[in-house]
Amino acid sequence: MSQAVIQLGPVTCPSCIKKIEAAVSKIDGVETVKVLFNSSKVKAEFDGNKTSGNDISETIQKLGYEVQSVKES
């Protein structure tokens, strides 16, 4: 199981969290996703054979949110 921590620009509303979590959880291979409101980070666990931190990042950007960095492990 792979993990990614994605640093976003400021997340300003609780509905933003739900929107990001819903979109990322639909990606094939994503097991868990959590948006940390205070630190504007997304933590995700996923199957590295099916998706990647960059794929998750692209999905978040398509929703209109700024991605500042992606750390995958």
PDB file of N, CA and C in Angstrom:
ATOM      1  N   MET A   1       0.853  -1.179   0.000  1.00  0.00           N
ATOM      2  CA  MET A   1       0.000   0.000   0.000  1.00  0.00           C
ATOM      3  C   MET A   1       0.896   1.238   0.000  1.00  0.00           C
ATOM      4  N   SER A   2       0.626   2.156  -0.894  1.00  0.00           N
ATOM      5  CA  SER A   2       1.370   3.412  -0.977  1.00  0.00           C
ATOM      6  C   SER A   2       0.602   4.513  -0.272  1.00  0.00           C
ATOM      7  N   GLN A   3       1.329   5.559   0.091  1.00  0.00           N
ATOM      8  CA  GLN A   3       0.709   6.713   0.741  1.00  0.00           C
ATOM      9  C   GLN A   3       1.169   7.989   0.055  1.00  0.00           C
ATOM     10  N   ALA A   4       0.320   8.995   0.090  1.00  0.00           N
ATOM     11  CA  ALA A   4       0.686  10.310  -0.421  1.00  0.00           C
ATOM     12  C   ALA A   4       0.176  11.368   0.539  1.00  0.00           C
ATOM     13  N   VAL A   5       0.987  12.400   0.704  1.00  0.00           N
ATOM     14  CA  VAL A   5       0.569  13.595   1.430  1.00  0.00           C
ATOM     15  C   VAL A   5       0.662  14.734   0.426  1.00  0.00           C
ATOM     16  N   ILE A   6      -0.466  15.364   0.174  1.00  0.00           N
ATOM     17  CA  ILE A   6      -0.549  16.416  -0.830  1.00  0.00           C
ATOM     18  C   ILE A   6      -0.841  17.731  -0.124  1.00  0.00           C
ATOM     19  N   GLN A   7       0.071  18.683  -0.278  1.00  0.00           N
ATOM     20  CA  GLN A   7      -0.102  20.006   0.320  1.00  0.00           C
ATOM     21  C   GLN A   7      -0.895  20.872  -0.647  1.00  0.00           C
ATOM     22  N   LEU A   8      -1.998  21.405  -0.159  1.00  0.00           N
ATOM     23  CA  LEU A   8      -2.855  22.264  -0.966  1.00  0.00           C
ATOM     24  C   LEU A   8      -2.634  23.722  -0.599  1.00  0.00           C
ATOM     25  N   GLY A   9      -3.174  24.613  -1.443  1.00  0.00           N
ATOM     26  CA  GLY A   9      -3.311  25.998  -1.040  1.00  0.00           C
ATOM     27  C   GLY A   9      -4.381  26.034   0.037  1.00  0.00           C
ATOM     28  N   PRO A  10      -4.669  27.193   0.586  1.00  0.00           N
ATOM     29  CA  PRO A  10      -5.654  27.266   1.682  1.00  0.00           C
ATOM     30  C   PRO A  10      -7.013  26.661   1.302  1.00  0.00           C
ATOM     31  N   VAL A  11      -7.509  25.786   2.164  1.00  0.00           N
ATOM     32  CA  VAL A  11      -8.853  25.219   2.019  1.00  0.00           C
ATOM     33  C   VAL A  11      -9.745  26.022   2.958  1.00  0.00           C
ATOM     34  N   THR A  12     -10.776  26.652   2.407  1.00  0.00           N
ATOM     35  CA  THR A  12     -11.514  27.656   3.173  1.00  0.00           C
ATOM     36  C   THR A  12     -12.890  27.238   3.669  1.00  0.00           C
ATOM     37  N   CYS A  13     -13.381  26.081   3.241  1.00  0.00           N
ATOM     38  CA  CYS A  13     -14.739  25.741   3.669  1.00  0.00           C
ATOM     39  C   CYS A  13     -14.888  24.239   3.889  1.00  0.00           C
ATOM     40  N   PRO A  14     -15.736  23.852   4.831  1.00  0.00           N
ATOM     41  CA  PRO A  14     -15.970  22.421   5.085  1.00  0.00           C
ATOM     42  C   PRO A  14     -16.512  21.676   3.864  1.00  0.00           C
ATOM     43  N   SER A  15     -17.288  22.355   3.024  1.00  0.00           N
ATOM     44  CA  SER A  15     -17.814  21.669   1.842  1.00  0.00           C
ATOM     45  C   SER A  15     -16.696  21.345   0.850  1.00  0.00           C
ATOM     46  N   CYS A  16     -15.609  22.122   0.881  1.00  0.00           N
ATOM     47  CA  CYS A  16     -14.446  21.829   0.035  1.00  0.00           C
ATOM     48  C   CYS A  16     -13.856  20.475   0.416  1.00  0.00           C
ATOM     49  N   ILE A  17     -13.800  20.208   1.708  1.00  0.00           N
ATOM     50  CA  ILE A  17     -13.257  18.944   2.203  1.00  0.00           C
ATOM     51  C   ILE A  17     -14.067  17.784   1.644  1.00  0.00           C
ATOM     52  N   LYS A  18     -15.374  17.869   1.746  1.00  0.00           N
ATOM     53  CA  LYS A  18     -16.238  16.790   1.265  1.00  0.00           C
ATOM     54  C   LYS A  18     -16.102  16.601  -0.240  1.00  0.00           C
ATOM     55  N   LYS A  19     -15.978  17.708  -0.973  1.00  0.00           N
ATOM     56  CA  LYS A  19     -15.843  17.649  -2.426  1.00  0.00           C
ATOM     57  C   LYS A  19     -14.546  16.928  -2.819  1.00  0.00           C
ATOM     58  N   ILE A  20     -13.442  17.283  -2.162  1.00  0.00           N
ATOM     59  CA  ILE A  20     -12.151  16.656  -2.455  1.00  0.00           C
ATOM     60  C   ILE A  20     -12.177  15.181  -2.067  1.00  0.00           C
ATOM     61  N   GLU A  21     -12.657  14.882  -0.860  1.00  0.00           N
ATOM     62  CA  GLU A  21     -12.694  13.489  -0.400  1.00  0.00           C
ATOM     63  C   GLU A  21     -13.558  12.628  -1.313  1.00  0.00           C
ATOM     64  N   ALA A  22     -14.693  13.147  -1.749  1.00  0.00           N
ATOM     65  CA  ALA A  22     -15.585  12.380  -2.624  1.00  0.00           C
ATOM     66  C   ALA A  22     -14.918  12.083  -3.965  1.00  0.00           C
ATOM     67  N   ALA A  23     -14.267  13.084  -4.546  1.00  0.00           N
ATOM     68  CA  ALA A  23     -13.637  12.895  -5.859  1.00  0.00           C
ATOM     69  C   ALA A  23     -12.455  11.935  -5.781  1.00  0.00           C
ATOM     70  N   VAL A  24     -11.615  12.089  -4.769  1.00  0.00           N
ATOM     71  CA  VAL A  24     -10.428  11.238  -4.646  1.00  0.00           C
ATOM     72  C   VAL A  24     -10.825   9.800  -4.317  1.00  0.00           C
ATOM     73  N   SER A  25     -11.852   9.619  -3.503  1.00  0.00           N
ATOM     74  CA  SER A  25     -12.265   8.258  -3.133  1.00  0.00           C
ATOM     75  C   SER A  25     -12.814   7.475  -4.325  1.00  0.00           C
ATOM     76  N   LYS A  26     -13.210   8.163  -5.396  1.00  0.00           N
ATOM     77  CA  LYS A  26     -13.724   7.492  -6.594  1.00  0.00           C
ATOM     78  C   LYS A  26     -12.613   6.983  -7.513  1.00  0.00           C
ATOM     79  N   ILE A  27     -11.374   7.402  -7.266  1.00  0.00           N
ATOM     80  CA  ILE A  27     -10.256   6.967  -8.103  1.00  0.00           C
ATOM     81  C   ILE A  27      -9.984   5.486  -7.836  1.00  0.00           C
ATOM     82  N   ASP A  28      -9.887   4.706  -8.908  1.00  0.00           N
ATOM     83  CA  ASP A  28      -9.621   3.275  -8.769  1.00  0.00           C
ATOM     84  C   ASP A  28      -8.283   3.067  -8.063  1.00  0.00           C
ATOM     85  N   GLY A  29      -8.302   2.293  -6.990  1.00  0.00           N
ATOM     86  CA  GLY A  29      -7.085   1.997  -6.246  1.00  0.00           C
ATOM     87  C   GLY A  29      -6.945   2.765  -4.948  1.00  0.00           C
ATOM     88  N   VAL A  30      -7.714   3.844  -4.784  1.00  0.00           N
ATOM     89  CA  VAL A  30      -7.640   4.625  -3.543  1.00  0.00           C
ATOM     90  C   VAL A  30      -8.397   3.885  -2.444  1.00  0.00           C
ATOM     91  N   GLU A  31      -7.714   3.627  -1.333  1.00  0.00           N
ATOM     92  CA  GLU A  31      -8.319   2.928  -0.197  1.00  0.00           C
ATOM     93  C   GLU A  31      -8.903   3.915   0.810  1.00  0.00           C
ATOM     94  N   THR A  32      -8.108   4.911   1.208  1.00  0.00           N
ATOM     95  CA  THR A  32      -8.581   5.912   2.168  1.00  0.00           C
ATOM     96  C   THR A  32      -8.120   7.292   1.733  1.00  0.00           C
ATOM     97  N   VAL A  33      -8.910   8.292   2.095  1.00  0.00           N
ATOM     98  CA  VAL A  33      -8.529   9.685   1.838  1.00  0.00           C
ATOM     99  C   VAL A  33      -9.062  10.534   2.975  1.00  0.00           C
ATOM    100  N   LYS A  34      -8.241  11.463   3.434  1.00  0.00           N
ATOM    101  CA  LYS A  34      -8.649  12.371   4.502  1.00  0.00           C
ATOM    102  C   LYS A  34      -8.064  13.741   4.211  1.00  0.00           C
ATOM    103  N   VAL A  35      -8.909  14.764   4.266  1.00  0.00           N
ATOM    104  CA  VAL A  35      -8.456  16.143   4.111  1.00  0.00           C
ATOM    105  C   VAL A  35      -8.311  16.744   5.497  1.00  0.00           C
ATOM    106  N   LEU A  36      -7.131  17.273   5.773  1.00  0.00           N
ATOM    107  CA  LEU A  36      -6.857  17.928   7.053  1.00  0.00           C
ATOM    108  C   LEU A  36      -7.075  19.427   6.863  1.00  0.00           C
ATOM    109  N   PHE A  37      -8.188  19.931   7.401  1.00  0.00           N
ATOM    110  CA  PHE A  37      -8.625  21.305   7.150  1.00  0.00           C
ATOM    111  C   PHE A  37      -7.605  22.337   7.627  1.00  0.00           C
ATOM    112  N   ASN A  38      -7.129  22.212   8.865  1.00  0.00           N
ATOM    113  CA  ASN A  38      -6.248  23.234   9.439  1.00  0.00           C
ATOM    114  C   ASN A  38      -4.905  23.341   8.736  1.00  0.00           C
ATOM    115  N   SER A  39      -4.391  22.224   8.225  1.00  0.00           N
ATOM    116  CA  SER A  39      -3.086  22.252   7.558  1.00  0.00           C
ATOM    117  C   SER A  39      -3.203  22.224   6.032  1.00  0.00           C
ATOM    118  N   SER A  40      -4.419  22.165   5.512  1.00  0.00           N
ATOM    119  CA  SER A  40      -4.674  22.118   4.064  1.00  0.00           C
ATOM    120  C   SER A  40      -3.887  20.999   3.389  1.00  0.00           C
ATOM    121  N   LYS A  41      -3.962  19.808   3.980  1.00  0.00           N
ATOM    122  CA  LYS A  41      -3.284  18.648   3.411  1.00  0.00           C
ATOM    123  C   LYS A  41      -4.293  17.550   3.110  1.00  0.00           C
ATOM    124  N   VAL A  42      -3.956  16.744   2.117  1.00  0.00           N
ATOM    125  CA  VAL A  42      -4.732  15.552   1.799  1.00  0.00           C
ATOM    126  C   VAL A  42      -3.821  14.357   2.049  1.00  0.00           C
ATOM    127  N   LYS A  43      -4.300  13.411   2.859  1.00  0.00           N
ATOM    128  CA  LYS A  43      -3.565  12.166   3.082  1.00  0.00           C
ATOM    129  C   LYS A  43      -4.362  11.049   2.430  1.00  0.00           C
ATOM    130  N   ALA A  44      -3.677  10.249   1.625  1.00  0.00           N
ATOM    131  CA  ALA A  44      -4.358   9.163   0.921  1.00  0.00           C
ATOM    132  C   ALA A  44      -3.521   7.898   0.967  1.00  0.00           C
ATOM    133  N   GLU A  45      -4.191   6.762   1.085  1.00  0.00           N
ATOM    134  CA  GLU A  45      -3.570   5.448   0.940  1.00  0.00           C
ATOM    135  C   GLU A  45      -4.158   4.822  -0.317  1.00  0.00           C
ATOM    136  N   PHE A  46      -3.280   4.208  -1.119  1.00  0.00           N
ATOM    137  CA  PHE A  46      -3.747   3.693  -2.402  1.00  0.00           C
ATOM    138  C   PHE A  46      -2.865   2.544  -2.871  1.00  0.00           C
ATOM    139  N   ASP A  47      -3.390   1.799  -3.831  1.00  0.00           N
ATOM    140  CA  ASP A  47      -2.659   0.718  -4.483  1.00  0.00           C
ATOM    141  C   ASP A  47      -1.794   1.352  -5.568  1.00  0.00           C
ATOM    142  N   GLY A  48      -0.479   1.309  -5.374  1.00  0.00           N
ATOM    143  CA  GLY A  48       0.446   1.932  -6.314  1.00  0.00           C
ATOM    144  C   GLY A  48       0.450   1.306  -7.696  1.00  0.00           C
ATOM    145  N   ASN A  49      -0.149   0.129  -7.846  1.00  0.00           N
ATOM    146  CA  ASN A  49      -0.259  -0.496  -9.161  1.00  0.00           C
ATOM    147  C   ASN A  49      -1.432   0.061  -9.963  1.00  0.00           C
ATOM    148  N   LYS A  50      -2.345   0.749  -9.284  1.00  0.00           N
ATOM    149  CA  LYS A  50      -3.547   1.256  -9.951  1.00  0.00           C
ATOM    150  C   LYS A  50      -3.556   2.772 -10.118  1.00  0.00           C
ATOM    151  N   THR A  51      -2.901   3.495  -9.216  1.00  0.00           N
ATOM    152  CA  THR A  51      -2.903   4.956  -9.286  1.00  0.00           C
ATOM    153  C   THR A  51      -1.641   5.481  -8.618  1.00  0.00           C
ATOM    154  N   SER A  52      -1.490   6.803  -8.583  1.00  0.00           N
ATOM    155  CA  SER A  52      -0.294   7.403  -7.990  1.00  0.00           C
ATOM    156  C   SER A  52      -0.663   8.713  -7.304  1.00  0.00           C
ATOM    157  N   GLY A  53       0.275   9.233  -6.551  1.00  0.00           N
ATOM    158  CA  GLY A  53       0.074  10.532  -5.917  1.00  0.00           C
ATOM    159  C   GLY A  53      -0.167  11.622  -6.945  1.00  0.00           C
ATOM    160  N   ASN A  54       0.501  11.515  -8.093  1.00  0.00           N
ATOM    161  CA  ASN A  54       0.301  12.514  -9.145  1.00  0.00           C
ATOM    162  C   ASN A  54      -1.095  12.428  -9.747  1.00  0.00           C
ATOM    163  N   ASP A  55      -1.628  11.213  -9.890  1.00  0.00           N
ATOM    164  CA  ASP A  55      -3.005  11.061 -10.387  1.00  0.00           C
ATOM    165  C   ASP A  55      -3.994  11.713  -9.416  1.00  0.00           C
ATOM    166  N   ILE A  56      -3.770  11.487  -8.130  1.00  0.00           N
ATOM    167  CA  ILE A  56      -4.637  12.082  -7.108  1.00  0.00           C
ATOM    168  C   ILE A  56      -4.522  13.603  -7.156  1.00  0.00           C
ATOM    169  N   SER A  57      -3.297  14.093  -7.285  1.00  0.00           N
ATOM    170  CA  SER A  57      -3.052  15.533  -7.378  1.00  0.00           C
ATOM    171  C   SER A  57      -3.784  16.145  -8.572  1.00  0.00           C
ATOM    172  N   GLU A  58      -3.721  15.478  -9.720  1.00  0.00           N
ATOM    173  CA  GLU A  58      -4.398  15.979 -10.921  1.00  0.00           C
ATOM    174  C   GLU A  58      -5.906  16.055 -10.716  1.00  0.00           C
ATOM    175  N   THR A  59      -6.474  15.064 -10.042  1.00  0.00           N
ATOM    176  CA  THR A  59      -7.912  15.071  -9.761  1.00  0.00           C
ATOM    177  C   THR A  59      -8.278  16.276  -8.905  1.00  0.00           C
ATOM    178  N   ILE A  60      -7.464  16.566  -7.897  1.00  0.00           N
ATOM    179  CA  ILE A  60      -7.714  17.709  -7.013  1.00  0.00           C
ATOM    180  C   ILE A  60      -7.599  19.015  -7.793  1.00  0.00           C
ATOM    181  N   GLN A  61      -6.602  19.105  -8.675  1.00  0.00           N
ATOM    182  CA  GLN A  61      -6.433  20.322  -9.476  1.00  0.00           C
ATOM    183  C   GLN A  61      -7.614  20.533 -10.420  1.00  0.00           C
ATOM    184  N   LYS A  62      -8.150  19.457 -10.975  1.00  0.00           N
ATOM    185  CA  LYS A  62      -9.306  19.562 -11.872  1.00  0.00           C
ATOM    186  C   LYS A  62     -10.535  20.103 -11.147  1.00  0.00           C
ATOM    187  N   LEU A  63     -10.576  19.924  -9.819  1.00  0.00           N
ATOM    188  CA  LEU A  63     -11.676  20.474  -9.019  1.00  0.00           C
ATOM    189  C   LEU A  63     -11.496  21.973  -8.778  1.00  0.00           C
ATOM    190  N   GLY A  64     -10.306  22.490  -9.112  1.00  0.00           N
ATOM    191  CA  GLY A  64     -10.057  23.921  -8.963  1.00  0.00           C
ATOM    192  C   GLY A  64      -9.229  24.302  -7.752  1.00  0.00           C
ATOM    193  N   TYR A  65      -8.591  23.317  -7.122  1.00  0.00           N
ATOM    194  CA  TYR A  65      -7.778  23.600  -5.934  1.00  0.00           C
ATOM    195  C   TYR A  65      -6.302  23.595  -6.293  1.00  0.00           C
ATOM    196  N   GLU A  66      -5.547  24.468  -5.644  1.00  0.00           N
ATOM    197  CA  GLU A  66      -4.114  24.578  -5.877  1.00  0.00           C
ATOM    198  C   GLU A  66      -3.377  23.458  -5.141  1.00  0.00           C
ATOM    199  N   VAL A  67      -2.506  22.758  -5.856  1.00  0.00           N
ATOM    200  CA  VAL A  67      -1.642  21.748  -5.244  1.00  0.00           C
ATOM    201  C   VAL A  67      -0.233  22.324  -5.193  1.00  0.00           C
ATOM    202  N   GLN A  68       0.336  22.385  -3.985  1.00  0.00           N
ATOM    203  CA  GLN A  68       1.669  22.955  -3.818  1.00  0.00           C
ATOM    204  C   GLN A  68       2.762  21.899  -3.847  1.00  0.00           C
ATOM    205  N   SER A  69       2.483  20.704  -3.325  1.00  0.00           N
ATOM    206  CA  SER A  69       3.488  19.636  -3.342  1.00  0.00           C
ATOM    207  C   SER A  69       2.824  18.279  -3.156  1.00  0.00           C
ATOM    208  N   VAL A  70       3.534  17.241  -3.617  1.00  0.00           N
ATOM    209  CA  VAL A  70       3.077  15.859  -3.472  1.00  0.00           C
ATOM    210  C   VAL A  70       4.246  15.045  -2.930  1.00  0.00           C
ATOM    211  N   LYS A  71       4.035  14.394  -1.791  1.00  0.00           N
ATOM    212  CA  LYS A  71       5.052  13.502  -1.219  1.00  0.00           C
ATOM    213  C   LYS A  71       4.465  12.105  -1.175  1.00  0.00           C
ATOM    214  N   GLU A  72       5.132  11.191  -1.856  1.00  0.00           N
ATOM    215  CA  GLU A  72       4.629   9.824  -1.960  1.00  0.00           C
ATOM    216  C   GLU A  72       5.591   8.869  -1.269  1.00  0.00           C
ATOM    217  N   SER A  73       5.042   7.889  -0.571  1.00  0.00           N
ATOM    218  CA  SER A  73       5.891   6.877   0.073  1.00  0.00           C
ATOM    219  C   SER A  73       5.246   5.511  -0.017  1.00  0.00           C
TER     220      SER A  73
END
